[in-house]
């Protein structure tokens, strides 16, 4: 339909032309270099988090939220004190940090 347009196989993004097939040397040739950067897979025992870690995440979140609620209701000793809010935000942040390490 449009004979002047190149097919997508002949063109790259924009108006640039494709350089080639991609592979320069054949595998197994004498001149090819092998990579020494092999990283073995991580064993499943390392990838699995301990069972208590999930409970720790939930406990940190619940303690943080409970501290905020109790501070709002003036049920904590010390009167009006922002240290409880700092502790609550610290507990929630600690829960988030532990959650990023959970597998």
N, C-alpha and C. Protein backbone atom coordinates (compact mmCIF):
# COMPACT_ATOMS: atom_id res chain seq x y z
N UNK A 1 0.80 -1.17 0.00
CA UNK A 1 0.00 0.00 0.00
C UNK A 1 0.86 1.25 0.00
N UNK A 2 1.92 1.28 0.83
CA UNK A 2 2.86 2.39 0.85
C UNK A 2 4.23 1.87 0.44
N UNK A 3 4.58 1.87 -0.82
CA UNK A 3 5.84 1.26 -1.26
C UNK A 3 7.07 2.03 -0.82
N UNK A 4 6.95 3.29 -0.45
CA UNK A 4 8.12 4.07 -0.08
C UNK A 4 8.51 3.88 1.39
N UNK A 5 7.61 3.32 2.19
CA UNK A 5 7.91 3.13 3.61
C UNK A 5 8.67 1.83 3.81
N UNK A 6 9.66 1.88 4.68
CA UNK A 6 10.42 0.67 5.01
C UNK A 6 9.62 -0.15 6.02
N UNK A 7 9.83 -1.44 6.01
CA UNK A 7 9.15 -2.29 6.99
C UNK A 7 9.81 -2.10 8.35
N UNK A 8 9.14 -2.57 9.38
CA UNK A 8 9.69 -2.40 10.73
C UNK A 8 10.95 -3.23 10.92
N UNK A 9 11.15 -4.28 10.13
CA UNK A 9 12.36 -5.09 10.26
C UNK A 9 13.57 -4.35 9.73
N UNK A 10 13.38 -3.42 8.80
CA UNK A 10 14.50 -2.69 8.22
C UNK A 10 14.82 -1.43 9.01
N UNK A 11 13.90 -0.95 9.81
CA UNK A 11 14.09 0.31 10.50
C UNK A 11 14.11 0.11 12.00
N UNK A 12 14.82 0.97 12.66
CA UNK A 12 14.82 1.00 14.12
C UNK A 12 13.86 2.08 14.57
N UNK A 13 14.03 2.56 15.79
CA UNK A 13 13.17 3.64 16.28
C UNK A 13 13.46 4.94 15.54
N UNK A 14 12.45 5.70 15.28
CA UNK A 14 12.62 6.95 14.55
C UNK A 14 12.99 6.69 13.10
N UNK A 15 13.95 7.40 12.60
CA UNK A 15 14.41 7.21 11.22
C UNK A 15 15.74 6.45 11.15
N UNK A 16 16.21 5.96 12.27
CA UNK A 16 17.48 5.25 12.29
C UNK A 16 17.32 3.88 11.63
N UNK A 17 18.39 3.46 10.96
CA UNK A 17 18.37 2.13 10.34
C UNK A 17 18.96 1.13 11.31
N UNK A 18 18.50 -0.11 11.24
CA UNK A 18 19.05 -1.16 12.08
C UNK A 18 20.48 -1.44 11.67
N UNK A 19 21.33 -1.74 12.66
CA UNK A 19 22.74 -1.95 12.39
C UNK A 19 23.04 -3.33 11.82
N UNK A 20 22.43 -4.35 12.34
CA UNK A 20 22.75 -5.70 11.87
C UNK A 20 21.92 -6.72 12.62
N UNK A 21 22.37 -7.95 12.57
CA UNK A 21 21.60 -9.03 13.19
C UNK A 21 21.79 -9.09 14.70
N UNK A 22 22.82 -8.42 15.23
CA UNK A 22 23.00 -8.39 16.67
C UNK A 22 24.19 -9.19 17.14
N UNK A 23 24.38 -10.44 16.70
CA UNK A 23 25.48 -11.26 17.15
C UNK A 23 26.66 -11.11 16.20
N UNK A 24 27.83 -10.85 16.76
CA UNK A 24 29.00 -10.61 15.92
C UNK A 24 29.80 -11.89 15.72
N UNK A 25 30.06 -12.64 16.79
CA UNK A 25 30.85 -13.86 16.67
C UNK A 25 29.96 -15.07 16.89
N UNK A 26 30.32 -16.15 16.29
CA UNK A 26 29.60 -17.41 16.47
C UNK A 26 30.05 -18.06 17.76
N UNK A 27 29.15 -18.74 18.43
CA UNK A 27 29.49 -19.45 19.66
C UNK A 27 30.42 -20.61 19.33
N UNK A 28 31.46 -20.77 20.13
CA UNK A 28 32.38 -21.87 19.92
C UNK A 28 33.56 -21.51 19.03
N UNK A 29 33.62 -20.33 18.46
CA UNK A 29 34.77 -19.94 17.66
C UNK A 29 35.96 -19.70 18.57
N UNK A 30 37.15 -19.79 18.01
CA UNK A 30 38.35 -19.60 18.80
C UNK A 30 38.48 -18.17 19.29
N UNK A 31 37.94 -17.21 18.57
CA UNK A 31 38.07 -15.81 18.95
C UNK A 31 37.02 -15.32 19.91
N UNK A 32 36.01 -16.13 20.21
CA UNK A 32 34.94 -15.65 21.10
C UNK A 32 35.41 -15.71 22.55
N UNK A 33 34.97 -14.72 23.34
CA UNK A 33 35.34 -14.64 24.74
C UNK A 33 34.20 -15.15 25.60
N UNK A 34 34.54 -15.92 26.62
CA UNK A 34 33.54 -16.43 27.53
C UNK A 34 33.52 -15.54 28.76
N UNK A 35 32.35 -15.33 29.31
CA UNK A 35 32.21 -14.48 30.48
C UNK A 35 32.51 -15.29 31.74
N UNK A 36 33.24 -14.68 32.66
CA UNK A 36 33.54 -15.31 33.94
C UNK A 36 32.60 -14.80 35.02
N UNK A 37 31.51 -14.18 34.65
CA UNK A 37 30.60 -13.56 35.60
C UNK A 37 29.40 -14.45 35.91
N UNK A 38 29.59 -15.72 36.07
CA UNK A 38 28.49 -16.62 36.38
C UNK A 38 28.09 -16.45 37.84
N UNK A 39 26.84 -16.21 38.09
CA UNK A 39 26.32 -16.12 39.44
C UNK A 39 25.39 -17.30 39.66
N UNK A 40 25.76 -18.20 40.57
CA UNK A 40 24.90 -19.37 40.80
C UNK A 40 23.58 -18.94 41.42
N UNK A 41 22.52 -19.70 41.19
CA UNK A 41 21.22 -19.34 41.77
C UNK A 41 21.25 -19.42 43.30
N UNK A 42 20.44 -18.58 43.93
CA UNK A 42 20.38 -18.55 45.39
C UNK A 42 19.57 -19.76 45.86
N UNK A 43 20.08 -20.50 46.83
CA UNK A 43 19.32 -21.66 47.32
C UNK A 43 18.00 -21.23 47.97
N UNK A 44 17.01 -22.11 47.91
CA UNK A 44 15.68 -21.80 48.45
C UNK A 44 15.71 -21.58 49.96
N UNK A 45 16.63 -22.22 50.65
CA UNK A 45 16.70 -22.03 52.10
C UNK A 45 17.11 -20.61 52.46
N UNK A 46 17.86 -19.97 51.61
CA UNK A 46 18.28 -18.58 51.85
C UNK A 46 17.15 -17.63 51.47
N UNK A 47 16.39 -17.96 50.43
CA UNK A 47 15.33 -17.08 49.94
C UNK A 47 14.09 -17.08 50.83
N UNK A 48 13.93 -18.07 51.69
CA UNK A 48 12.72 -18.15 52.50
C UNK A 48 12.97 -17.44 53.83
N UNK A 49 12.07 -16.55 54.17
CA UNK A 49 12.19 -15.84 55.44
C UNK A 49 11.67 -16.72 56.57
N UNK A 50 12.17 -16.50 57.78
CA UNK A 50 11.64 -17.28 58.91
C UNK A 50 10.17 -16.94 59.18
N UNK A 51 9.47 -17.85 59.82
CA UNK A 51 8.04 -17.69 60.05
C UNK A 51 7.73 -16.49 60.94
N UNK A 52 8.62 -16.19 61.89
CA UNK A 52 8.37 -15.11 62.83
C UNK A 52 8.45 -13.73 62.17
N UNK A 53 9.02 -13.65 60.98
CA UNK A 53 9.19 -12.35 60.33
C UNK A 53 7.84 -11.74 59.93
N UNK A 54 6.91 -12.56 59.48
CA UNK A 54 5.58 -12.07 59.14
C UNK A 54 4.85 -11.54 60.35
N UNK A 55 4.99 -12.26 61.47
CA UNK A 55 4.36 -11.80 62.71
C UNK A 55 5.00 -10.50 63.20
N UNK A 56 6.30 -10.36 63.00
CA UNK A 56 7.00 -9.14 63.40
C UNK A 56 6.50 -7.93 62.60
N UNK A 57 6.29 -8.12 61.30
CA UNK A 57 5.80 -7.03 60.45
C UNK A 57 4.42 -6.57 60.93
N UNK A 58 3.53 -7.53 61.15
CA UNK A 58 2.17 -7.19 61.60
C UNK A 58 2.20 -6.55 62.98
N UNK A 59 3.06 -7.06 63.88
CA UNK A 59 3.14 -6.50 65.23
C UNK A 59 3.65 -5.06 65.21
N UNK A 60 4.64 -4.77 64.36
CA UNK A 60 5.15 -3.40 64.28
C UNK A 60 4.10 -2.44 63.74
N UNK A 61 3.37 -2.86 62.71
CA UNK A 61 2.30 -2.02 62.18
C UNK A 61 1.20 -1.78 63.22
N UNK A 62 0.77 -2.84 63.89
CA UNK A 62 -0.31 -2.73 64.87
C UNK A 62 0.12 -1.87 66.05
N UNK A 63 1.35 -2.06 66.55
CA UNK A 63 1.83 -1.24 67.66
C UNK A 63 1.94 0.24 67.27
N UNK A 64 2.37 0.51 66.05
CA UNK A 64 2.45 1.89 65.59
C UNK A 64 1.09 2.55 65.51
N UNK A 65 0.14 1.87 64.91
CA UNK A 65 -1.21 2.42 64.79
C UNK A 65 -1.88 2.53 66.16
N UNK A 66 -1.68 1.54 67.03
CA UNK A 66 -2.24 1.58 68.37
C UNK A 66 -1.67 2.74 69.18
N UNK A 67 -0.39 3.01 69.03
CA UNK A 67 0.23 4.14 69.72
C UNK A 67 -0.36 5.46 69.25
N UNK A 68 -0.61 5.59 67.95
CA UNK A 68 -1.22 6.81 67.43
C UNK A 68 -2.64 6.98 67.98
N UNK A 69 -3.41 5.89 68.01
CA UNK A 69 -4.80 5.96 68.50
C UNK A 69 -4.81 6.31 69.99
N UNK A 70 -3.95 5.67 70.78
CA UNK A 70 -3.91 5.94 72.23
C UNK A 70 -3.42 7.35 72.52
N UNK A 71 -2.50 7.87 71.70
CA UNK A 71 -2.04 9.24 71.88
C UNK A 71 -3.16 10.23 71.54
N UNK A 72 -3.91 9.93 70.52
CA UNK A 72 -5.03 10.79 70.13
C UNK A 72 -6.11 10.82 71.21
N UNK A 73 -6.31 9.68 71.88
CA UNK A 73 -7.32 9.58 72.92
C UNK A 73 -6.80 10.04 74.28
N UNK A 74 -5.57 10.54 74.36
CA UNK A 74 -4.92 10.97 75.61
C UNK A 74 -4.91 9.87 76.65
N UNK A 75 -4.72 8.64 76.23
CA UNK A 75 -4.69 7.51 77.15
C UNK A 75 -3.27 7.14 77.56
N UNK A 76 -2.28 7.82 77.01
CA UNK A 76 -0.89 7.53 77.36
C UNK A 76 -0.41 8.53 78.41
N UNK A 77 0.48 8.10 79.32
CA UNK A 77 0.96 9.02 80.36
C UNK A 77 1.86 10.10 79.76
N UNK A 78 1.93 11.23 80.43
CA UNK A 78 2.82 12.30 79.98
C UNK A 78 2.10 13.47 79.37
N UNK A 79 0.80 13.43 79.30
CA UNK A 79 0.04 14.55 78.75
C UNK A 79 0.25 14.70 77.26
N UNK A 80 0.25 15.94 76.81
CA UNK A 80 0.43 16.21 75.39
C UNK A 80 1.93 16.15 75.10
N UNK A 81 2.33 15.09 74.40
CA UNK A 81 3.75 14.87 74.13
C UNK A 81 3.88 14.26 72.73
N UNK A 82 4.67 14.87 71.90
CA UNK A 82 4.81 14.38 70.53
C UNK A 82 5.78 13.21 70.41
N UNK A 83 6.44 12.83 71.49
CA UNK A 83 7.39 11.73 71.41
C UNK A 83 6.66 10.42 71.07
N UNK A 84 5.41 10.31 71.50
CA UNK A 84 4.65 9.10 71.18
C UNK A 84 4.38 9.00 69.68
N UNK A 85 4.13 10.14 69.05
CA UNK A 85 3.91 10.11 67.60
C UNK A 85 5.19 9.77 66.85
N UNK A 86 6.31 10.25 67.34
CA UNK A 86 7.60 9.91 66.72
C UNK A 86 7.87 8.41 66.87
N UNK A 87 7.58 7.88 68.03
CA UNK A 87 7.77 6.44 68.26
C UNK A 87 6.84 5.63 67.36
N UNK A 88 5.60 6.09 67.22
CA UNK A 88 4.63 5.37 66.39
C UNK A 88 5.07 5.37 64.92
N UNK A 89 5.51 6.51 64.44
CA UNK A 89 5.98 6.57 63.05
C UNK A 89 7.24 5.72 62.88
N UNK A 90 8.09 5.68 63.91
CA UNK A 90 9.28 4.82 63.87
C UNK A 90 8.91 3.34 63.81
N UNK A 91 7.88 2.96 64.57
CA UNK A 91 7.43 1.55 64.54
C UNK A 91 6.87 1.19 63.16
N UNK A 92 6.09 2.08 62.59
CA UNK A 92 5.52 1.80 61.26
C UNK A 92 6.63 1.76 60.21
N UNK A 93 7.60 2.66 60.31
CA UNK A 93 8.73 2.65 59.38
C UNK A 93 9.56 1.37 59.53
N UNK A 94 9.76 0.93 60.76
CA UNK A 94 10.48 -0.32 60.99
C UNK A 94 9.72 -1.50 60.38
N UNK A 95 8.39 -1.48 60.48
CA UNK A 95 7.59 -2.52 59.85
C UNK A 95 7.74 -2.52 58.34
N UNK A 96 7.80 -1.33 57.74
CA UNK A 96 8.01 -1.24 56.29
C UNK A 96 9.39 -1.76 55.89
N UNK A 97 10.39 -1.43 56.68
CA UNK A 97 11.75 -1.90 56.36
C UNK A 97 11.84 -3.42 56.45
N UNK A 98 11.24 -3.99 57.50
CA UNK A 98 11.25 -5.45 57.64
C UNK A 98 10.44 -6.08 56.50
N UNK A 99 9.36 -5.42 56.08
CA UNK A 99 8.52 -5.98 55.00
C UNK A 99 9.27 -6.01 53.68
N UNK A 100 10.20 -5.08 53.45
CA UNK A 100 10.96 -5.12 52.20
C UNK A 100 11.96 -6.27 52.18
N UNK A 101 12.32 -6.79 53.33
CA UNK A 101 13.26 -7.93 53.42
C UNK A 101 12.56 -9.28 53.42
N UNK A 102 11.24 -9.27 53.44
CA UNK A 102 10.46 -10.51 53.56
C UNK A 102 10.40 -11.23 52.21
N UNK A 103 10.64 -12.54 52.21
CA UNK A 103 10.56 -13.35 50.98
C UNK A 103 9.45 -14.35 51.11
